[in-house]
Amino acid sequence: MKVAVSGKGGVGKTLIAAGLAYSFAKKGFKAIAIDADPSPNLALTLGLSSEDARGIVPISENKQLVEAKTGTGYAGVFRLTFTVDDIVRDYAVQTPFGVNLIVMGTVRSVGAGCTCPANAVVRSLLRHLVVERDEAVVLDMEAGVEHMGRGTARHVDVMLVVVNANVKALETAKRIHELGVKAGMNRILLVGNKIENEAQKGAIMKYAKENSLQVLDYLPFDQMVVEAEMRGETPLKYGDAPAIKAIERLCDRLLQGNT
């Protein structure tokens, strides 16, 4: 199962990505979480300390690794073909929740015209993880899919676009859906998050219906999550929290293929 999680900043996509990866691990899958957001926070949500999280060097910023993979010995000339399976072995970080974490760092979009070595490594690694490996892979992405490239995006089993009832979040979701369709994604589903009442749920349902978008599930606003994050804790510690239970239910629905 390969799941990409996207959405506007602040809607809670990182917790959902971490919760899904943890749920896969609890079900016996080998799980890899990929932090592909320019402002990475997945390490903290997966239970690493602030010190350990700060110590992770994103793949795109690992100059020694990038040079080893792409260097030719000639200035301005680099290799485009190289193996990346060893990167997973050597640079994935084991987290307290049984999920291996890889922090990608900034990934430039396909249309940005970047052919830099770091981008080549990240793109090859993303494709390897999504297309060639058997683990359950969850990607915590920025708001968009352009940086994945068509060859990678169309192999994701499902793109979850996380929204709340805010119109800006819903408009962002519509744009992400359009980009995903162009990139060849077959299953793009909305997940309503931080839902406090029926009015908020209704607003998302109405917007989705008017724009031909499909909603997979609605996750509740959870004060336990808010308080855990205020204390600098990962909410995943609290398995009885309503939001964490809802994410586990979301995982079950994905595995069952329910839409």
Protein backbone atom coordinates (compact mmCIF):
# COMPACT_ATOMS: atom_id res chain seq x y z
CA MET A 1 0.00 0.00 0.00
CA LYS A 2 1.44 3.36 -1.09
CA VAL A 3 -0.35 6.41 0.31
CA ALA A 4 0.40 10.07 -0.33
CA VAL A 5 -1.00 12.61 2.15
CA SER A 6 -1.32 16.22 1.07
CA GLY A 7 -3.26 19.34 1.94
CA LYS A 8 -2.97 22.96 2.97
CA GLY A 9 -0.68 23.74 5.89
CA GLY A 10 -2.35 23.48 9.28
CA VAL A 11 -5.04 20.94 8.38
CA GLY A 12 -3.33 18.10 10.24
CA LYS A 13 -1.87 16.06 7.40
CA THR A 14 1.34 15.20 9.27
CA LEU A 15 -0.52 13.55 12.14
CA ILE A 16 -2.63 11.60 9.67
CA ALA A 17 0.46 10.50 7.73
CA ALA A 18 2.22 9.42 10.93
CA GLY A 19 -0.90 7.72 12.27
CA LEU A 20 -1.38 5.76 9.06
CA ALA A 21 2.26 4.63 9.01
CA TYR A 22 1.96 3.56 12.65
CA SER A 23 -1.30 1.73 11.94
CA PHE A 24 0.34 -0.17 9.07
CA ALA A 25 3.23 -1.13 11.36
CA LYS A 26 0.85 -2.36 14.07
CA LYS A 27 -0.86 -4.57 11.49
CA GLY A 28 2.43 -6.28 10.73
CA PHE A 29 3.49 -4.36 7.62
CA LYS A 30 7.01 -3.08 7.18
CA ALA A 31 6.26 0.64 7.12
CA ILE A 32 8.26 3.54 5.72
CA ALA A 33 7.22 7.14 6.29
CA ILE A 34 8.63 9.74 3.91
CA ASP A 35 8.75 13.37 4.93
CA ALA A 36 8.61 15.26 1.64
CA ASP A 37 7.37 18.52 3.15
CA PRO A 38 9.77 21.50 3.00
CA SER A 39 9.02 22.06 6.71
CA PRO A 40 9.52 18.53 8.07
CA ASN A 41 7.76 17.58 11.30
CA LEU A 42 7.11 13.89 10.78
CA ALA A 43 10.04 12.84 12.98
CA LEU A 44 8.55 14.50 16.06
CA THR A 45 5.11 13.05 15.38
CA LEU A 46 6.64 9.58 15.08
CA GLY A 47 8.08 9.93 18.55
CA LEU A 48 11.66 11.07 18.01
CA SER A 49 13.03 13.66 20.42
CA SER A 50 13.67 17.20 19.23
CA GLU A 51 17.40 16.55 19.47
CA ASP A 52 17.22 13.39 17.38
CA ALA A 53 14.92 15.06 14.85
CA ARG A 54 17.32 17.98 14.44
CA GLY A 55 20.14 15.50 13.87
CA ILE A 56 18.55 14.05 10.74
CA VAL A 57 20.18 15.36 7.58
CA PRO A 58 17.61 15.48 4.76
CA ILE A 59 18.60 13.46 1.71
CA SER A 60 18.61 16.55 -0.52
CA GLU A 61 21.07 18.27 1.85
CA ASN A 62 23.43 15.32 2.29
CA LYS A 63 26.25 16.56 0.07
CA GLN A 64 28.43 13.50 0.63
CA LEU A 65 25.64 11.13 -0.36
CA VAL A 66 24.61 13.19 -3.39
CA GLU A 67 28.21 13.38 -4.60
CA ALA A 68 28.70 9.64 -4.13
CA LYS A 69 25.64 8.91 -6.22
CA THR A 70 25.97 11.49 -8.98
CA GLY A 71 29.62 12.56 -9.12
CA THR A 72 31.67 11.93 -12.26
CA GLY A 73 34.84 13.83 -11.41
CA TYR A 74 34.03 16.47 -14.01
CA ALA A 75 32.71 19.87 -13.00
CA GLY A 76 29.10 20.43 -14.08
CA VAL A 77 28.66 16.85 -15.21
CA PHE A 78 26.83 14.28 -13.08
CA ARG A 79 25.30 10.86 -13.43
CA LEU A 80 21.55 10.45 -13.83
CA THR A 81 21.55 6.67 -13.38
CA PHE A 82 22.47 5.14 -10.03
CA THR A 83 21.17 2.73 -7.40
CA VAL A 84 19.26 4.02 -4.38
CA ASP A 85 18.23 0.89 -2.47
CA ASP A 86 21.23 1.32 -0.17
CA ILE A 87 19.93 4.77 0.84
CA VAL A 88 16.92 3.14 2.47
CA ARG A 89 19.20 0.72 4.31
CA ASP A 90 21.72 3.31 5.46
CA TYR A 91 19.68 6.48 6.01
CA ALA A 92 16.23 5.37 7.17
CA VAL A 93 15.75 6.24 10.83
CA GLN A 94 13.98 3.79 13.13
CA THR A 95 11.28 5.53 15.17
CA PRO A 96 9.75 4.48 18.51
CA PHE A 97 6.51 3.46 16.77
CA GLY A 98 8.10 0.83 14.54
CA VAL A 99 8.13 2.98 11.42
CA ASN A 100 11.25 3.73 9.40
CA LEU A 101 11.53 7.41 8.53
CA ILE A 102 13.24 9.06 5.57
CA VAL A 103 13.42 12.85 5.42
CA MET A 104 13.71 13.96 1.81
CA GLY A 105 14.16 17.72 2.16
CA THR A 106 13.13 20.22 -0.49
CA VAL A 107 12.09 18.67 -3.81
CA ARG A 108 11.78 20.95 -6.81
CA SER A 109 8.80 20.47 -9.10
CA VAL A 110 9.01 18.87 -12.52
CA GLY A 111 8.34 22.16 -14.24
CA ALA A 112 10.97 24.08 -12.31
CA GLY A 113 13.69 23.12 -14.77
CA CYS A 114 16.00 21.83 -12.05
CA THR A 115 18.40 19.07 -13.06
CA CYS A 116 20.63 19.48 -10.01
CA PRO A 117 22.26 16.36 -8.52
CA ALA A 118 20.34 16.57 -5.23
CA ASN A 119 17.03 16.66 -7.07
CA ALA A 120 18.05 13.67 -9.17
CA VAL A 121 18.80 11.63 -6.06
CA VAL A 122 15.55 12.55 -4.35
CA ARG A 123 13.48 11.80 -7.44
CA SER A 124 15.13 8.43 -7.95
CA LEU A 125 14.63 7.55 -4.29
CA LEU A 126 10.96 8.56 -4.35
CA ARG A 127 10.35 6.44 -7.42
CA HIS A 128 12.21 3.48 -5.88
CA LEU A 129 10.16 3.65 -2.68
CA VAL A 130 6.81 4.02 -4.41
CA VAL A 131 7.28 1.81 -7.46
CA GLU A 132 9.81 -0.89 -6.60
CA ARG A 133 9.52 -1.71 -2.89
CA ASP A 134 6.97 -3.89 -1.11
CA GLU A 135 6.65 -2.01 2.17
CA ALA A 136 3.69 0.11 3.16
CA VAL A 137 4.84 3.60 2.24
CA VAL A 138 3.24 6.83 3.48
CA LEU A 139 4.36 10.17 2.06
CA ASP A 140 3.79 13.39 3.99
CA MET A 141 3.79 15.89 1.14
CA GLU A 142 3.58 19.59 0.59
CA ALA A 143 0.44 20.99 -1.04
CA GLY A 144 0.89 19.61 -4.54
CA VAL A 145 2.11 16.62 -6.51
CA GLU A 146 4.26 18.20 -9.22
CA HIS A 147 7.54 17.27 -7.56
CA MET A 148 6.67 13.55 -7.68
CA GLY A 149 6.61 13.31 -11.45
CA ARG A 150 4.14 11.27 -13.47
CA GLY A 151 6.18 8.08 -13.27
CA THR A 152 5.98 8.11 -9.48
CA ALA A 153 2.57 9.69 -8.91
CA ARG A 154 0.61 7.20 -10.97
CA HIS A 155 1.94 4.31 -8.87
CA VAL A 156 0.60 5.69 -5.60
CA ASP A 157 -2.40 3.60 -4.55
CA VAL A 158 -4.25 6.58 -3.15
CA MET A 159 -3.76 10.29 -2.59
CA LEU A 160 -5.46 11.58 0.54
CA VAL A 161 -6.08 15.31 0.54
CA VAL A 162 -6.69 16.50 4.08
CA VAL A 163 -9.10 19.41 4.56
CA ASN A 164 -10.97 21.23 7.28
CA ALA A 165 -14.07 23.35 6.76
CA ASN A 166 -12.02 26.42 5.81
CA VAL A 167 -12.70 27.55 2.24
CA LYS A 168 -8.98 28.10 1.62
CA ALA A 169 -8.25 24.47 2.57
CA LEU A 170 -11.04 23.27 0.28
CA GLU A 171 -9.83 25.39 -2.64
CA THR A 172 -6.32 24.01 -2.12
CA ALA A 173 -7.76 20.49 -2.16
CA LYS A 174 -9.49 21.16 -5.47
CA ARG A 175 -6.20 22.34 -6.97
CA ILE A 176 -4.32 19.32 -5.62
CA HIS A 177 -6.99 17.06 -7.11
CA GLU A 178 -6.55 18.69 -10.50
CA LEU A 179 -2.77 18.26 -10.33
CA GLY A 180 -3.13 14.66 -9.22
CA VAL A 181 -5.40 13.80 -12.12
CA LYS A 182 -2.92 15.34 -14.55
CA ALA A 183 -0.12 13.33 -12.94
CA GLY A 184 -2.02 10.09 -13.53
CA MET A 185 -3.34 9.34 -10.05
CA ASN A 186 -6.40 7.12 -10.10
CA ARG A 187 -7.66 7.46 -6.49
CA ILE A 188 -7.73 10.93 -4.99
CA LEU A 189 -9.90 11.20 -1.90
CA LEU A 190 -10.59 13.94 0.61
CA VAL A 191 -10.35 13.40 4.35
CA GLY A 192 -12.19 15.90 6.52
CA ASN A 193 -10.18 16.60 9.66
CA LYS A 194 -10.66 18.46 12.95
CA ILE A 195 -14.43 18.25 12.54
CA GLU A 196 -16.18 19.85 15.52
CA ASN A 197 -19.82 19.74 14.45
CA GLU A 198 -22.28 18.77 11.74
CA ALA A 199 -22.10 22.24 10.18
CA GLN A 200 -18.39 21.80 9.41
CA LYS A 201 -18.98 18.32 8.06
CA GLY A 202 -21.82 19.65 5.95
CA ALA A 203 -19.67 22.43 4.50
CA ILE A 204 -17.09 19.89 3.33
CA MET A 205 -19.77 17.58 1.93
CA LYS A 206 -21.37 20.46 0.03
CA TYR A 207 -18.08 21.66 -1.46
CA ALA A 208 -17.09 18.12 -2.44
CA LYS A 209 -20.41 17.48 -4.16
CA GLU A 210 -20.31 20.78 -6.07
CA ASN A 211 -16.78 20.08 -7.30
CA SER A 212 -17.07 16.34 -7.99
CA LEU A 213 -14.70 15.42 -5.18
CA GLN A 214 -15.04 12.28 -3.10
CA VAL A 215 -14.67 12.22 0.70
CA LEU A 216 -13.32 9.03 2.27
CA ASP A 217 -13.87 9.86 5.92
CA TYR A 218 -14.28 12.55 8.56
CA LEU A 219 -11.98 12.71 11.59
CA PRO A 220 -13.01 14.54 14.77
CA PHE A 221 -11.44 17.55 16.42
CA ASP A 222 -9.63 16.13 19.44
CA GLN A 223 -8.65 18.17 22.48
CA MET A 224 -6.31 15.35 23.54
CA VAL A 225 -4.30 15.93 20.37
CA VAL A 226 -4.16 19.68 21.00
CA GLU A 227 -2.95 19.22 24.56
CA ALA A 228 -0.37 16.58 23.62
CA GLU A 229 1.12 18.88 20.99
CA MET A 230 1.17 21.77 23.47
CA ARG A 231 3.28 19.56 25.76
CA GLY A 232 5.60 18.67 22.91
CA GLU A 233 4.38 15.07 22.86
CA THR A 234 3.29 12.99 19.94
CA PRO A 235 -0.45 12.29 20.02
CA LEU A 236 0.30 8.74 18.87
CA LYS A 237 1.10 7.96 22.52
CA TYR A 238 -2.60 8.20 23.28
CA GLY A 239 -4.21 5.29 21.49
CA ASP A 240 -7.55 5.98 23.13
CA ALA A 241 -7.73 9.52 21.73
CA PRO A 242 -10.71 9.85 19.36
CA ALA A 243 -8.57 11.24 16.51
CA ILE A 244 -6.03 8.41 16.77
CA LYS A 245 -8.80 5.82 16.76
CA ALA A 246 -10.29 7.53 13.71
CA ILE A 247 -6.95 7.35 11.86
CA GLU A 248 -6.77 3.62 12.61
CA ARG A 249 -10.26 3.30 11.14
CA LEU A 250 -9.06 5.23 8.09
CA CYS A 251 -6.21 2.74 7.68
CA ASP A 252 -8.67 -0.14 7.79
CA ARG A 253 -10.80 1.48 5.11
CA LEU A 254 -7.79 1.95 2.85
CA LEU A 255 -6.75 -1.68 3.22
CA GLN A 256 -10.30 -2.84 2.54
CA GLY A 257 -10.49 -0.63 -0.54
CA ASN A 258 -13.61 1.12 0.70
CA THR A 259 -14.31 4.52 -0.75
